[in-house]
Amino acid sequence: MFEIGKDYTREQIHRVCGGSKQAFLPTKNGKVVAVCLRPDLNPGAPDTIVCSSSAAARAAGRTLAAQTDPVPVFIRGATDKYRYAGDFTAAGSLTTPPDCAPYVVNSSFTLGQVSRVVKLKRVGNAK
């Protein structure tokens, strides 16, 4: 399906996974189907995801934290190019400001803008 280290456009990711072409956690049928992250908002990616406090981000972060299915994770590089980092599953979720604080450092978010941090773990063989 996807090759680790190869770049994909949001259109290519959408064709394979479905969900929104704009959301950083696109969902389909009530599940997060991909993770598309910007390094300025998620400096700990792909190991951690910082979710803002917008309604859509809160809902998607909560969904991802609860699901057990692996999802492909992509990190944005050049405009509309996302490098595939591998498949990951949720390994934990933090919601209190003191717990989230270390993960917000070096992101473009303030602690007050964050609703959750989702920790991820790689599944399968990394190539």
N, C-alpha and C. Protein backbone atom coordinates (compact mmCIF):
# COMPACT_ATOMS: atom_id res chain seq x y z
N MET A 1 0.83 -1.18 0.00
CA MET A 1 0.00 0.00 0.00
C MET A 1 0.88 1.25 0.00
N PHE A 2 1.48 1.62 1.14
CA PHE A 2 2.39 2.76 1.22
C PHE A 2 3.80 2.24 1.52
N GLU A 3 4.81 2.99 1.06
CA GLU A 3 6.20 2.62 1.30
C GLU A 3 6.82 3.61 2.29
N ILE A 4 7.45 3.08 3.35
CA ILE A 4 8.08 3.93 4.35
C ILE A 4 9.14 4.80 3.69
N GLY A 5 9.09 6.09 4.02
CA GLY A 5 10.05 7.05 3.48
C GLY A 5 9.64 7.67 2.16
N LYS A 6 8.57 7.18 1.55
CA LYS A 6 8.11 7.74 0.28
C LYS A 6 7.09 8.84 0.53
N ASP A 7 7.09 9.86 -0.34
CA ASP A 7 6.17 10.98 -0.22
C ASP A 7 4.87 10.71 -0.97
N TYR A 8 3.77 11.21 -0.38
CA TYR A 8 2.44 11.08 -0.96
C TYR A 8 1.70 12.40 -0.84
N THR A 9 0.80 12.67 -1.78
CA THR A 9 -0.05 13.85 -1.68
C THR A 9 -1.28 13.49 -0.86
N ARG A 10 -1.98 14.51 -0.38
CA ARG A 10 -3.22 14.26 0.36
C ARG A 10 -4.24 13.54 -0.53
N GLU A 11 -4.23 13.84 -1.82
CA GLU A 11 -5.13 13.16 -2.74
C GLU A 11 -4.83 11.67 -2.79
N GLN A 12 -3.55 11.30 -2.87
CA GLN A 12 -3.18 9.88 -2.89
C GLN A 12 -3.57 9.20 -1.58
N ILE A 13 -3.33 9.87 -0.45
CA ILE A 13 -3.69 9.31 0.85
C ILE A 13 -5.20 9.12 0.92
N HIS A 14 -5.94 10.12 0.46
CA HIS A 14 -7.40 10.06 0.47
C HIS A 14 -7.92 8.90 -0.38
N ARG A 15 -7.34 8.70 -1.56
CA ARG A 15 -7.80 7.61 -2.44
C ARG A 15 -7.65 6.24 -1.77
N VAL A 16 -6.59 6.06 -1.00
CA VAL A 16 -6.35 4.78 -0.34
C VAL A 16 -7.14 4.65 0.97
N CYS A 17 -7.13 5.72 1.77
CA CYS A 17 -7.69 5.64 3.12
C CYS A 17 -9.10 6.19 3.26
N GLY A 18 -9.46 7.16 2.44
CA GLY A 18 -10.75 7.84 2.59
C GLY A 18 -10.65 8.95 3.61
N GLY A 19 -11.81 9.44 4.02
CA GLY A 19 -11.83 10.53 5.00
C GLY A 19 -11.55 11.87 4.35
N SER A 20 -11.46 12.90 5.16
CA SER A 20 -11.25 14.26 4.70
C SER A 20 -9.85 14.45 4.12
N LYS A 21 -9.76 15.31 3.11
CA LYS A 21 -8.45 15.64 2.54
C LYS A 21 -7.76 16.74 3.33
N GLN A 22 -8.50 17.41 4.23
CA GLN A 22 -7.93 18.52 4.98
C GLN A 22 -7.61 18.18 6.44
N ALA A 23 -8.36 17.29 7.06
CA ALA A 23 -8.20 16.99 8.48
C ALA A 23 -6.86 16.31 8.75
N PHE A 24 -6.26 16.64 9.91
CA PHE A 24 -5.00 15.97 10.24
C PHE A 24 -5.24 14.55 10.76
N LEU A 25 -6.47 14.28 11.20
CA LEU A 25 -6.90 12.93 11.59
C LEU A 25 -8.18 12.61 10.82
N PRO A 26 -8.07 12.32 9.51
CA PRO A 26 -9.29 12.04 8.75
C PRO A 26 -9.99 10.79 9.26
N THR A 27 -11.31 10.85 9.29
CA THR A 27 -12.11 9.72 9.77
C THR A 27 -13.04 9.22 8.67
N LYS A 28 -13.40 7.96 8.81
CA LYS A 28 -14.36 7.33 7.90
C LYS A 28 -15.08 6.25 8.70
N ASN A 29 -16.39 6.27 8.66
CA ASN A 29 -17.20 5.30 9.39
C ASN A 29 -16.84 5.23 10.87
N GLY A 30 -16.57 6.40 11.46
CA GLY A 30 -16.32 6.47 12.89
C GLY A 30 -14.93 6.06 13.34
N LYS A 31 -13.99 5.88 12.40
CA LYS A 31 -12.61 5.52 12.75
C LYS A 31 -11.64 6.48 12.09
N VAL A 32 -10.53 6.74 12.77
CA VAL A 32 -9.45 7.51 12.17
C VAL A 32 -8.76 6.59 11.17
N VAL A 33 -8.62 7.07 9.92
CA VAL A 33 -8.08 6.21 8.86
C VAL A 33 -6.65 6.58 8.45
N ALA A 34 -6.17 7.73 8.91
CA ALA A 34 -4.80 8.16 8.62
C ALA A 34 -4.44 9.27 9.60
N VAL A 35 -3.15 9.53 9.72
CA VAL A 35 -2.65 10.62 10.54
C VAL A 35 -1.72 11.44 9.65
N CYS A 36 -2.05 12.72 9.45
CA CYS A 36 -1.27 13.60 8.58
C CYS A 36 -0.83 14.80 9.39
N LEU A 37 0.44 14.83 9.75
CA LEU A 37 0.93 15.79 10.74
C LEU A 37 1.88 16.82 10.16
N ARG A 38 1.81 18.02 10.71
CA ARG A 38 2.76 19.08 10.42
C ARG A 38 3.79 19.09 11.54
N PRO A 39 5.08 19.12 11.21
CA PRO A 39 6.12 19.13 12.25
C PRO A 39 6.06 20.34 13.18
N ASP A 40 5.59 21.49 12.70
CA ASP A 40 5.54 22.67 13.56
C ASP A 40 4.47 22.52 14.65
N LEU A 41 3.44 21.73 14.40
CA LEU A 41 2.40 21.50 15.40
C LEU A 41 2.65 20.22 16.20
N ASN A 42 3.41 19.31 15.63
CA ASN A 42 3.65 18.01 16.24
C ASN A 42 5.13 17.65 16.18
N PRO A 43 5.97 18.34 16.97
CA PRO A 43 7.41 18.09 16.90
C PRO A 43 7.81 16.70 17.36
N GLY A 44 6.96 16.01 18.10
CA GLY A 44 7.26 14.65 18.56
C GLY A 44 6.76 13.57 17.63
N ALA A 45 6.24 13.96 16.48
CA ALA A 45 5.70 12.98 15.52
C ALA A 45 6.82 12.12 14.97
N PRO A 46 6.59 10.87 14.74
CA PRO A 46 5.31 10.17 14.79
C PRO A 46 4.98 9.53 16.14
N ASP A 47 5.78 9.75 17.14
CA ASP A 47 5.55 9.09 18.43
C ASP A 47 4.46 9.73 19.27
N THR A 48 4.23 11.03 19.07
CA THR A 48 3.17 11.71 19.80
C THR A 48 2.42 12.66 18.87
N ILE A 49 1.13 12.82 19.14
CA ILE A 49 0.27 13.73 18.39
C ILE A 49 -0.33 14.72 19.38
N VAL A 50 -0.20 16.00 19.08
CA VAL A 50 -0.82 17.03 19.89
C VAL A 50 -2.13 17.42 19.21
N CYS A 51 -3.24 17.28 19.93
CA CYS A 51 -4.57 17.61 19.40
C CYS A 51 -5.03 18.94 19.95
N SER A 52 -5.46 19.82 19.08
CA SER A 52 -5.95 21.12 19.54
C SER A 52 -7.29 20.95 20.24
N SER A 53 -7.82 22.07 20.72
CA SER A 53 -9.08 22.02 21.45
C SER A 53 -10.28 22.30 20.56
N SER A 54 -10.10 22.36 19.24
CA SER A 54 -11.26 22.52 18.35
C SER A 54 -12.13 21.28 18.47
N ALA A 55 -13.41 21.42 18.20
CA ALA A 55 -14.35 20.30 18.35
C ALA A 55 -13.93 19.11 17.49
N ALA A 56 -13.53 19.37 16.25
CA ALA A 56 -13.15 18.27 15.35
C ALA A 56 -11.89 17.56 15.85
N ALA A 57 -10.89 18.32 16.29
CA ALA A 57 -9.65 17.72 16.78
C ALA A 57 -9.89 16.95 18.08
N ARG A 58 -10.72 17.49 18.97
CA ARG A 58 -11.04 16.77 20.22
C ARG A 58 -11.69 15.43 19.91
N ALA A 59 -12.68 15.44 19.00
CA ALA A 59 -13.39 14.20 18.66
C ALA A 59 -12.47 13.19 17.98
N ALA A 60 -11.68 13.64 17.02
CA ALA A 60 -10.78 12.72 16.31
C ALA A 60 -9.70 12.18 17.24
N GLY A 61 -9.15 13.02 18.11
CA GLY A 61 -8.15 12.57 19.07
C GLY A 61 -8.70 11.53 20.02
N ARG A 62 -9.93 11.75 20.50
CA ARG A 62 -10.58 10.79 21.39
C ARG A 62 -10.81 9.46 20.65
N THR A 63 -11.24 9.54 19.39
CA THR A 63 -11.46 8.34 18.58
C THR A 63 -10.16 7.57 18.38
N LEU A 64 -9.10 8.27 17.99
CA LEU A 64 -7.81 7.61 17.77
C LEU A 64 -7.29 6.97 19.04
N ALA A 65 -7.41 7.67 20.16
CA ALA A 65 -6.91 7.13 21.43
C ALA A 65 -7.61 5.84 21.83
N ALA A 66 -8.87 5.67 21.39
CA ALA A 66 -9.65 4.50 21.78
C ALA A 66 -9.58 3.35 20.78
N GLN A 67 -9.15 3.62 19.56
CA GLN A 67 -9.18 2.54 18.56
C GLN A 67 -7.91 1.70 18.61
N THR A 68 -8.04 0.45 18.20
CA THR A 68 -6.92 -0.48 18.24
C THR A 68 -6.37 -0.79 16.85
N ASP A 69 -7.09 -0.40 15.81
CA ASP A 69 -6.64 -0.65 14.44
C ASP A 69 -5.43 0.22 14.11
N PRO A 70 -4.42 -0.34 13.46
CA PRO A 70 -3.28 0.48 13.04
C PRO A 70 -3.71 1.51 11.99
N VAL A 71 -3.05 2.65 11.99
CA VAL A 71 -3.30 3.68 11.00
C VAL A 71 -1.97 4.15 10.41
N PRO A 72 -1.98 4.48 9.12
CA PRO A 72 -0.75 5.00 8.52
C PRO A 72 -0.50 6.43 9.00
N VAL A 73 0.75 6.74 9.29
CA VAL A 73 1.13 8.06 9.77
C VAL A 73 2.04 8.72 8.72
N PHE A 74 1.71 9.98 8.41
CA PHE A 74 2.44 10.76 7.42
C PHE A 74 2.88 12.07 8.06
N ILE A 75 4.09 12.50 7.73
CA ILE A 75 4.64 13.75 8.24
C ILE A 75 4.82 14.69 7.05
N ARG A 76 4.27 15.89 7.18
CA ARG A 76 4.33 16.85 6.09
C ARG A 76 5.74 17.36 5.87
N GLY A 77 6.11 17.41 4.61
CA GLY A 77 7.39 18.00 4.21
C GLY A 77 7.10 19.20 3.34
N ALA A 78 7.34 19.06 2.05
CA ALA A 78 7.04 20.13 1.10
C ALA A 78 5.52 20.30 0.98
N THR A 79 5.11 21.41 0.40
CA THR A 79 3.69 21.68 0.23
C THR A 79 2.98 20.50 -0.41
N ASP A 80 1.97 20.02 0.27
CA ASP A 80 1.13 18.90 -0.15
C ASP A 80 1.92 17.59 -0.36
N LYS A 81 3.04 17.45 0.29
CA LYS A 81 3.79 16.19 0.27
C LYS A 81 3.92 15.69 1.70
N TYR A 82 3.54 14.47 1.90
CA TYR A 82 3.57 13.85 3.23
C TYR A 82 4.37 12.56 3.15
N ARG A 83 5.40 12.45 3.99
CA ARG A 83 6.26 11.27 4.01
C ARG A 83 5.64 10.22 4.92
N TYR A 84 5.51 9.00 4.41
CA TYR A 84 4.95 7.89 5.17
C TYR A 84 5.96 7.41 6.21
N ALA A 85 5.55 7.42 7.49
CA ALA A 85 6.42 7.02 8.59
C ALA A 85 6.17 5.59 9.06
N GLY A 86 5.08 4.98 8.62
CA GLY A 86 4.74 3.62 9.02
C GLY A 86 3.34 3.57 9.62
N ASP A 87 2.94 2.37 10.01
CA ASP A 87 1.64 2.17 10.66
C ASP A 87 1.84 2.19 12.17
N PHE A 88 0.92 2.85 12.85
CA PHE A 88 1.00 3.03 14.30
C PHE A 88 -0.35 2.76 14.93
N THR A 89 -0.33 2.42 16.22
CA THR A 89 -1.55 2.31 17.02
C THR A 89 -1.38 3.21 18.25
N ALA A 90 -2.51 3.54 18.85
CA ALA A 90 -2.47 4.35 20.06
C ALA A 90 -1.86 3.54 21.20
N ALA A 91 -0.96 4.19 21.95
CA ALA A 91 -0.31 3.53 23.08
C ALA A 91 -0.62 4.24 24.38
N GLY A 92 -1.40 5.31 24.31
CA GLY A 92 -1.75 6.06 25.51
C GLY A 92 -2.30 7.41 25.13
N SER A 93 -2.95 8.04 26.10
CA SER A 93 -3.56 9.33 25.86
C SER A 93 -3.46 10.17 27.12
N LEU A 94 -3.04 11.42 26.96
CA LEU A 94 -2.90 12.35 28.07
C LEU A 94 -3.87 13.51 27.87
N THR A 95 -4.56 13.91 28.93
CA THR A 95 -5.53 14.99 28.78
C THR A 95 -5.37 16.12 29.79
N THR A 96 -4.61 15.92 30.84
CA THR A 96 -4.47 17.01 31.82
C THR A 96 -3.33 17.94 31.39
N PRO A 97 -3.48 19.23 31.63
CA PRO A 97 -2.43 20.17 31.22
C PRO A 97 -1.03 19.82 31.73
N PRO A 98 -0.86 19.41 33.00
CA PRO A 98 0.51 19.07 33.43
C PRO A 98 1.10 17.88 32.65
N ASP A 99 0.25 16.91 32.30
CA ASP A 99 0.74 15.76 31.54
C ASP A 99 1.06 16.12 30.09
N CYS A 100 0.25 17.01 29.52
CA CYS A 100 0.43 17.42 28.11
C CYS A 100 1.58 18.41 27.92
N ALA A 101 1.88 19.18 28.95
CA ALA A 101 2.85 20.28 28.84
C ALA A 101 4.17 19.92 28.16
N PRO A 102 4.83 18.81 28.52
CA PRO A 102 6.12 18.52 27.88
C PRO A 102 6.01 18.29 26.36
N TYR A 103 4.84 17.87 25.89
CA TYR A 103 4.66 17.57 24.47
C TYR A 103 4.26 18.80 23.66
N VAL A 104 3.85 19.85 24.35
CA VAL A 104 3.44 21.09 23.69
C VAL A 104 4.65 21.99 23.43
N VAL A 105 5.71 21.79 24.21
CA VAL A 105 6.95 22.56 24.03
C VAL A 105 7.44 22.36 22.59
N ASN A 106 7.85 23.44 21.96
CA ASN A 106 8.35 23.44 20.58
C ASN A 106 7.28 23.20 19.53
N SER A 107 6.01 23.15 19.95
CA SER A 107 4.93 23.11 18.97
C SER A 107 4.43 24.54 18.81
N SER A 108 3.59 24.77 17.84
CA SER A 108 3.03 26.11 17.64
C SER A 108 1.80 26.33 18.51
N PHE A 109 1.45 25.36 19.36
CA PHE A 109 0.30 25.48 20.24
C PHE A 109 0.72 26.04 21.59
N THR A 110 -0.23 26.70 22.25
CA THR A 110 -0.07 27.01 23.67
C THR A 110 -0.74 25.88 24.43
N LEU A 111 -0.41 25.71 25.67
CA LEU A 111 -1.01 24.64 26.47
C LEU A 111 -2.53 24.78 26.52
N GLY A 112 -3.04 26.01 26.54
CA GLY A 112 -4.48 26.24 26.57
C GLY A 112 -5.20 25.85 25.29
N GLN A 113 -4.46 25.68 24.21
CA GLN A 113 -5.05 25.29 22.93
C GLN A 113 -5.09 23.78 22.73
N VAL A 114 -4.56 23.02 23.68
CA VAL A 114 -4.42 21.57 23.52
C VAL A 114 -5.46 20.83 24.36
N SER A 115 -6.10 19.84 23.72
CA SER A 115 -7.10 19.04 24.44
C SER A 115 -6.55 17.67 24.83
N ARG A 116 -5.57 17.18 24.08
CA ARG A 116 -5.10 15.81 24.31
C ARG A 116 -3.77 15.61 23.59
N VAL A 117 -2.97 14.72 24.14
CA VAL A 117 -1.78 14.21 23.47
C VAL A 117 -1.97 12.70 23.35
N VAL A 118 -1.85 12.20 22.13
CA VAL A 118 -1.98 10.75 21.90
C VAL A 118 -0.58 10.20 21.64
N LYS A 119 -0.20 9.22 22.43
CA LYS A 119 1.08 8.54 22.22
C LYS A 119 0.84 7.39 21.25
N LEU A 120 1.77 7.20 20.34
CA LEU A 120 1.67 6.14 19.34
C LEU A 120 2.81 5.16 19.44
N LYS A 121 2.57 3.95 18.97
CA LYS A 121 3.65 2.97 18.86
C LYS A 121 3.56 2.34 17.48
N ARG A 122 4.74 2.09 16.91
CA ARG A 122 4.83 1.50 15.57
C ARG A 122 4.40 0.03 15.63
N VAL A 123 3.70 -0.39 14.58
CA VAL A 123 3.33 -1.79 14.45
C VAL A 123 3.97 -2.34 13.18
N GLY A 124 4.20 -3.61 13.15
CA GLY A 124 4.80 -4.23 11.97
C GLY A 124 6.29 -3.98 11.91
N ASN A 125 6.86 -4.33 10.80
CA ASN A 125 8.30 -4.19 10.60
C ASN A 125 8.61 -2.86 9.93
N ALA A 126 9.46 -2.08 10.55
CA ALA A 126 9.93 -0.84 9.93
C ALA A 126 10.99 -1.19 8.90
N LYS A 127 10.94 -0.52 7.76
CA LYS A 127 11.91 -0.81 6.68
C LYS A 127 12.83 0.35 6.49
